[in-house]
């Protein structure tokens, strides 16, 4: 079964620039970086308190990540779940008619890996890994949840619960926006499906331009004002979105490697 989210893979054009921004703004340091020749990329693992970021820069333009950058620009490429036994997990997925890309484990950056085709995961390229590379961190910054955009929340939830064995925590309707959501337990973090109930809006626009899939990453910090200040000192736009009594801060994806980052202060 899926134990936890191991990492969020982000395709970038310049890994040196990206790692510098992650350090200066988020206070996150590279724990491991190397060139992976068979995947034609340079990868860097950057841990938060619970989930790692994997930054990926292609070394050739016609590689998998290179083609992704050419087609969609910088942004989230995949999410990876840790599994106990990858060979058995692949067999289980195949028995549920989940389309896996290779059909057998292969050596990856963090251990033995395999990928689930986005068609079987509501537009999300999903990696599974039997992890043997650990990168501890003493940061307090954490990934609260990963937000997935969908046209049909209930259908997406059923797929991830039945085929990927994640547990549904709750379904909800936003009072301050035309959105319905569902939160799934992912061990050390959560997966949130978001469906826009209006005919137009940011989630609809995202799906129209890129299809269903990963929409944003929500972070938790001890001091949201201080983190906002660090973003703004680097010239990165932060938009405040009031959600009832809470304020969600959104980092413009064009300013942060094609990735929509949301962050809130941890509840005391």
Protein backbone atom coordinates (compact mmCIF):
# COMPACT_ATOMS: atom_id res chain seq x y z
CA UNK A 1 0.00 0.00 0.00
CA UNK A 2 1.01 3.63 -0.39
CA UNK A 3 2.77 4.65 2.84
CA UNK A 4 3.40 8.36 2.36
CA UNK A 5 4.24 11.05 -0.15
CA UNK A 6 7.98 10.90 -0.74
CA UNK A 7 8.47 13.84 -3.08
CA UNK A 8 7.02 16.34 -5.53
CA UNK A 9 8.92 16.47 -8.82
CA UNK A 10 9.33 19.91 -10.42
CA UNK A 11 10.84 20.44 -13.87
CA UNK A 12 13.10 23.51 -14.03
CA UNK A 13 15.29 25.09 -16.69
CA UNK A 14 18.14 26.08 -14.36
CA UNK A 15 18.61 23.90 -11.30
CA UNK A 16 21.26 26.20 -9.80
CA UNK A 17 18.88 29.15 -9.88
CA UNK A 18 16.00 27.04 -8.54
CA UNK A 19 17.96 25.61 -5.62
CA UNK A 20 19.16 29.12 -4.72
CA UNK A 21 15.59 30.43 -4.61
CA UNK A 22 14.40 27.45 -2.53
CA UNK A 23 17.22 28.21 -0.09
CA UNK A 24 16.84 31.99 0.06
CA UNK A 25 13.05 32.07 0.26
CA UNK A 26 11.94 28.80 1.85
CA UNK A 27 15.07 28.11 3.84
CA UNK A 28 15.29 24.64 2.29
CA UNK A 29 18.67 23.13 1.47
CA UNK A 30 19.73 20.58 -1.12
CA UNK A 31 20.33 17.24 0.59
CA UNK A 32 21.41 15.32 -2.50
CA UNK A 33 22.14 16.31 -6.09
CA UNK A 34 23.47 14.26 -8.96
CA UNK A 35 23.29 13.73 -12.69
CA UNK A 36 21.18 10.71 -13.62
CA UNK A 37 22.56 9.77 -17.01
CA UNK A 38 19.98 7.18 -18.05
CA UNK A 39 17.17 9.70 -17.41
CA UNK A 40 19.14 12.55 -19.03
CA UNK A 41 18.67 14.97 -16.15
CA UNK A 42 20.23 16.54 -13.10
CA UNK A 43 18.13 15.99 -9.98
CA UNK A 44 18.26 17.64 -6.56
CA UNK A 45 16.37 16.48 -3.47
CA UNK A 46 15.25 19.27 -1.14
CA UNK A 47 13.46 18.06 2.00
CA UNK A 48 10.78 19.85 3.99
CA UNK A 49 9.72 18.56 7.41
CA UNK A 50 7.63 15.81 5.82
CA UNK A 51 7.84 15.75 1.99
CA UNK A 52 10.75 16.32 -0.37
CA UNK A 53 10.91 18.41 -3.51
CA UNK A 54 12.80 16.89 -6.42
CA UNK A 55 14.02 19.53 -8.84
CA UNK A 56 14.84 18.20 -12.30
CA UNK A 57 16.82 19.92 -15.04
CA UNK A 58 17.14 18.05 -18.35
CA UNK A 59 20.61 17.62 -19.82
CA UNK A 60 19.27 17.21 -23.37
CA UNK A 61 16.22 18.84 -24.93
CA UNK A 62 14.67 15.65 -26.31
CA UNK A 63 14.63 13.82 -22.94
CA UNK A 64 11.38 13.12 -21.11
CA UNK A 65 11.77 16.16 -18.85
CA UNK A 66 13.13 18.25 -21.72
CA UNK A 67 10.03 17.55 -23.79
CA UNK A 68 7.85 18.36 -20.78
CA UNK A 69 9.53 21.76 -20.45
CA UNK A 70 9.14 22.44 -24.17
CA UNK A 71 5.46 21.46 -24.13
CA UNK A 72 4.30 22.92 -20.81
CA UNK A 73 7.09 25.02 -19.37
CA UNK A 74 8.43 24.79 -15.83
CA UNK A 75 6.16 23.25 -13.24
CA UNK A 76 5.16 20.17 -11.29
CA UNK A 77 6.00 17.04 -13.27
CA UNK A 78 4.94 14.24 -10.91
CA UNK A 79 4.32 13.19 -7.34
CA UNK A 80 5.93 10.14 -5.76
CA UNK A 81 4.53 7.79 -3.12
CA UNK A 82 6.67 5.49 -1.01
CA UNK A 83 5.60 1.84 -1.01
CA UNK A 84 6.72 -1.09 1.12
CA UNK A 85 7.33 -3.62 -1.66
CA UNK A 86 7.35 -2.20 -5.16
CA UNK A 87 7.14 -5.55 -6.97
CA UNK A 88 4.02 -6.53 -5.06
CA UNK A 89 2.57 -3.03 -5.48
CA UNK A 90 2.97 -3.22 -9.26
CA UNK A 91 1.17 -6.57 -9.29
CA UNK A 92 -1.65 -5.14 -7.17
CA UNK A 93 -2.03 -2.11 -9.44
CA UNK A 94 -2.08 -4.27 -12.56
CA UNK A 95 -4.74 -6.51 -11.01
CA UNK A 96 -6.90 -3.40 -10.67
CA UNK A 97 -6.31 -2.49 -14.34
CA UNK A 98 -4.16 0.50 -13.37
CA UNK A 99 -1.83 1.32 -16.25
CA UNK A 100 1.81 1.28 -15.19
CA UNK A 101 4.41 2.55 -17.63
CA UNK A 102 7.27 0.05 -17.37
CA UNK A 103 5.68 -3.01 -15.81
CA UNK A 104 8.64 -3.76 -13.53
CA UNK A 105 10.83 -1.85 -11.05
CA UNK A 106 13.92 0.04 -12.17
CA UNK A 107 16.59 1.98 -10.34
CA UNK A 108 15.71 5.64 -9.76
CA UNK A 109 17.07 8.53 -7.74
CA UNK A 110 15.48 7.53 -4.43
CA UNK A 111 15.34 3.74 -4.89
CA UNK A 112 13.46 1.20 -7.00
CA UNK A 113 10.72 3.02 -8.91
CA UNK A 114 7.82 2.67 -11.34
CA UNK A 115 5.31 5.14 -12.79
CA UNK A 116 1.54 5.06 -13.06
CA UNK A 117 0.23 6.54 -16.29
CA UNK A 118 -1.68 9.84 -15.84
CA UNK A 119 -4.70 8.22 -17.54
CA UNK A 120 -5.05 5.96 -14.51
CA UNK A 121 -4.58 8.73 -11.94
CA UNK A 122 -6.84 11.57 -13.13
CA UNK A 123 -4.14 13.35 -15.07
CA UNK A 124 -1.38 12.95 -12.46
CA UNK A 125 1.89 11.28 -13.41
CA UNK A 126 2.39 9.22 -10.26
CA UNK A 127 5.65 7.59 -9.24
CA UNK A 128 5.89 4.79 -6.69
CA UNK A 129 9.19 4.05 -5.00
CA UNK A 130 10.69 1.53 -2.63
CA UNK A 131 12.82 4.19 -1.00
CA UNK A 132 16.40 3.62 0.11
CA UNK A 133 17.69 7.20 -0.04
CA UNK A 134 16.71 9.20 3.04
CA UNK A 135 17.39 12.91 3.50
CA UNK A 136 16.50 14.11 7.02
CA UNK A 137 15.82 17.80 7.60
CA UNK A 138 15.44 20.04 10.65
CA UNK A 139 13.16 22.59 8.94
CA UNK A 140 9.69 23.32 10.35
CA UNK A 141 8.25 24.13 6.91
CA UNK A 142 5.98 21.31 5.75
CA UNK A 143 3.70 20.29 2.90
CA UNK A 144 0.15 20.34 4.25
CA UNK A 145 -1.44 18.99 1.08
CA UNK A 146 -1.19 18.73 -2.70
CA UNK A 147 -4.14 20.08 -4.66
CA UNK A 148 -5.40 18.23 -7.74
CA UNK A 149 -7.77 19.86 -10.23
CA UNK A 150 -10.61 17.68 -11.49
CA UNK A 151 -13.84 17.94 -13.44
CA UNK A 152 -15.52 15.27 -11.31
CA UNK A 153 -14.52 15.20 -7.65
CA UNK A 154 -16.48 12.08 -6.73
CA UNK A 155 -15.24 10.04 -9.68
CA UNK A 156 -11.64 11.06 -8.97
CA UNK A 157 -11.97 10.20 -5.28
CA UNK A 158 -13.43 6.78 -6.08
CA UNK A 159 -10.52 6.09 -8.42
CA UNK A 160 -7.84 7.03 -5.88
CA UNK A 161 -9.56 5.24 -3.01
CA UNK A 162 -10.32 2.03 -4.90
CA UNK A 163 -7.26 1.74 -7.13
CA UNK A 164 -4.52 3.59 -5.23
CA UNK A 165 -5.73 2.66 -1.72
CA UNK A 166 -5.81 6.17 -0.27
CA UNK A 167 -8.35 6.85 2.47
CA UNK A 168 -11.03 9.55 2.17
CA UNK A 169 -11.02 11.96 5.09
CA UNK A 170 -13.84 14.33 4.17
CA UNK A 171 -15.76 16.03 1.40
CA UNK A 172 -16.71 19.69 1.62
CA UNK A 173 -18.23 22.64 -0.18
CA UNK A 174 -16.56 26.03 0.03
CA UNK A 175 -18.90 28.74 1.32
CA UNK A 176 -16.79 31.58 -0.09
CA UNK A 177 -16.12 30.17 -3.56
CA UNK A 178 -17.83 27.92 -6.15
CA UNK A 179 -15.71 24.89 -5.24
CA UNK A 180 -16.28 21.41 -3.88
CA UNK A 181 -13.35 19.52 -2.41
CA UNK A 182 -12.31 16.17 -1.00
CA UNK A 183 -9.35 15.44 1.25
CA UNK A 184 -7.55 12.08 1.15
CA UNK A 185 -5.05 10.85 3.72
CA UNK A 186 -1.58 10.32 2.25
CA UNK A 187 0.25 9.27 5.40
CA UNK A 188 2.54 12.22 6.11
CA UNK A 189 0.44 14.72 4.16
CA UNK A 190 -2.84 14.93 2.24
CA UNK A 191 -4.21 14.97 -1.29
CA UNK A 192 -7.04 17.41 -2.01
CA UNK A 193 -9.26 17.15 -5.08
CA UNK A 194 -10.84 20.44 -6.14
CA UNK A 195 -13.75 20.79 -8.58
CA UNK A 196 -15.04 24.17 -9.71
CA UNK A 197 -18.84 24.25 -9.76
CA UNK A 198 -19.03 27.49 -11.77
CA UNK A 199 -18.53 27.56 -15.54
CA UNK A 200 -15.46 29.75 -15.23
CA UNK A 201 -12.71 30.22 -12.68
CA UNK A 202 -9.04 29.44 -12.03
CA UNK A 203 -9.50 25.68 -11.71
CA UNK A 204 -11.48 25.52 -14.96
CA UNK A 205 -8.85 27.64 -16.72
CA UNK A 206 -6.11 25.34 -15.51
CA UNK A 207 -7.94 22.26 -16.79
CA UNK A 208 -8.67 23.93 -20.13
CA UNK A 209 -5.00 24.79 -20.64
CA UNK A 210 -3.29 21.70 -19.19
CA UNK A 211 -5.95 19.11 -18.42
CA UNK A 212 -6.76 17.58 -15.07
CA UNK A 213 -3.87 17.06 -12.71
CA UNK A 214 -1.69 18.73 -10.10
CA UNK A 215 -2.85 22.28 -9.46
CA UNK A 216 -0.94 23.56 -6.42
CA UNK A 217 1.12 22.73 -3.33
CA UNK A 218 -0.06 23.99 0.07
CA UNK A 219 2.66 24.65 2.65
CA UNK A 220 2.48 25.25 6.40
CA UNK A 221 4.88 27.61 8.12
CA UNK A 222 5.44 28.88 11.66
CA UNK A 223 5.38 32.52 10.48
CA UNK A 224 3.36 33.31 7.34
CA UNK A 225 4.17 37.04 7.44
CA UNK A 226 7.90 36.37 7.53
CA UNK A 227 7.67 33.90 4.65
CA UNK A 228 5.63 36.35 2.61
CA UNK A 229 8.29 38.99 3.21
CA UNK A 230 11.02 36.64 1.95
CA UNK A 231 9.08 35.96 -1.25
CA UNK A 232 8.49 39.64 -1.86
CA UNK A 233 12.14 40.52 -1.19
CA UNK A 234 13.00 38.24 -4.11
CA UNK A 235 10.47 40.01 -6.36
CA UNK A 236 8.01 37.10 -6.15
CA UNK A 237 4.36 38.13 -6.12
CA UNK A 238 2.19 36.95 -3.21
CA UNK A 239 -1.61 37.29 -3.41
CA UNK A 240 -3.71 37.17 -0.25
CA UNK A 241 -6.90 35.11 -0.53
CA UNK A 242 -9.27 35.44 2.41
CA UNK A 243 -11.04 32.16 3.19
CA UNK A 244 -13.42 32.87 6.04
CA UNK A 245 -11.34 33.71 9.09
CA UNK A 246 -8.16 32.45 7.43
CA UNK A 247 -5.86 34.10 4.91
CA UNK A 248 -4.34 31.84 2.28
CA UNK A 249 -1.32 33.34 0.58
CA UNK A 250 -0.75 32.38 -3.04
CA UNK A 251 2.60 32.66 -4.82
CA UNK A 252 2.20 33.47 -8.50
CA UNK A 253 3.32 30.43 -10.55
CA UNK A 254 5.01 32.62 -13.18
CA UNK A 255 7.33 33.83 -10.41
CA UNK A 256 8.08 30.42 -8.92
CA UNK A 257 9.09 27.89 -11.59
CA UNK A 258 5.57 27.39 -12.92
CA UNK A 259 4.38 26.15 -9.53
CA UNK A 260 1.40 27.57 -7.66
CA UNK A 261 2.40 27.64 -4.01
CA UNK A 262 -0.12 28.35 -1.25
CA UNK A 263 0.94 28.80 2.34
CA UNK A 264 -0.75 29.23 5.71
CA UNK A 265 0.45 29.63 9.25
CA UNK A 266 0.33 26.51 11.39
CA UNK A 267 -2.49 26.47 13.90
CA UNK A 268 -1.25 26.84 17.45
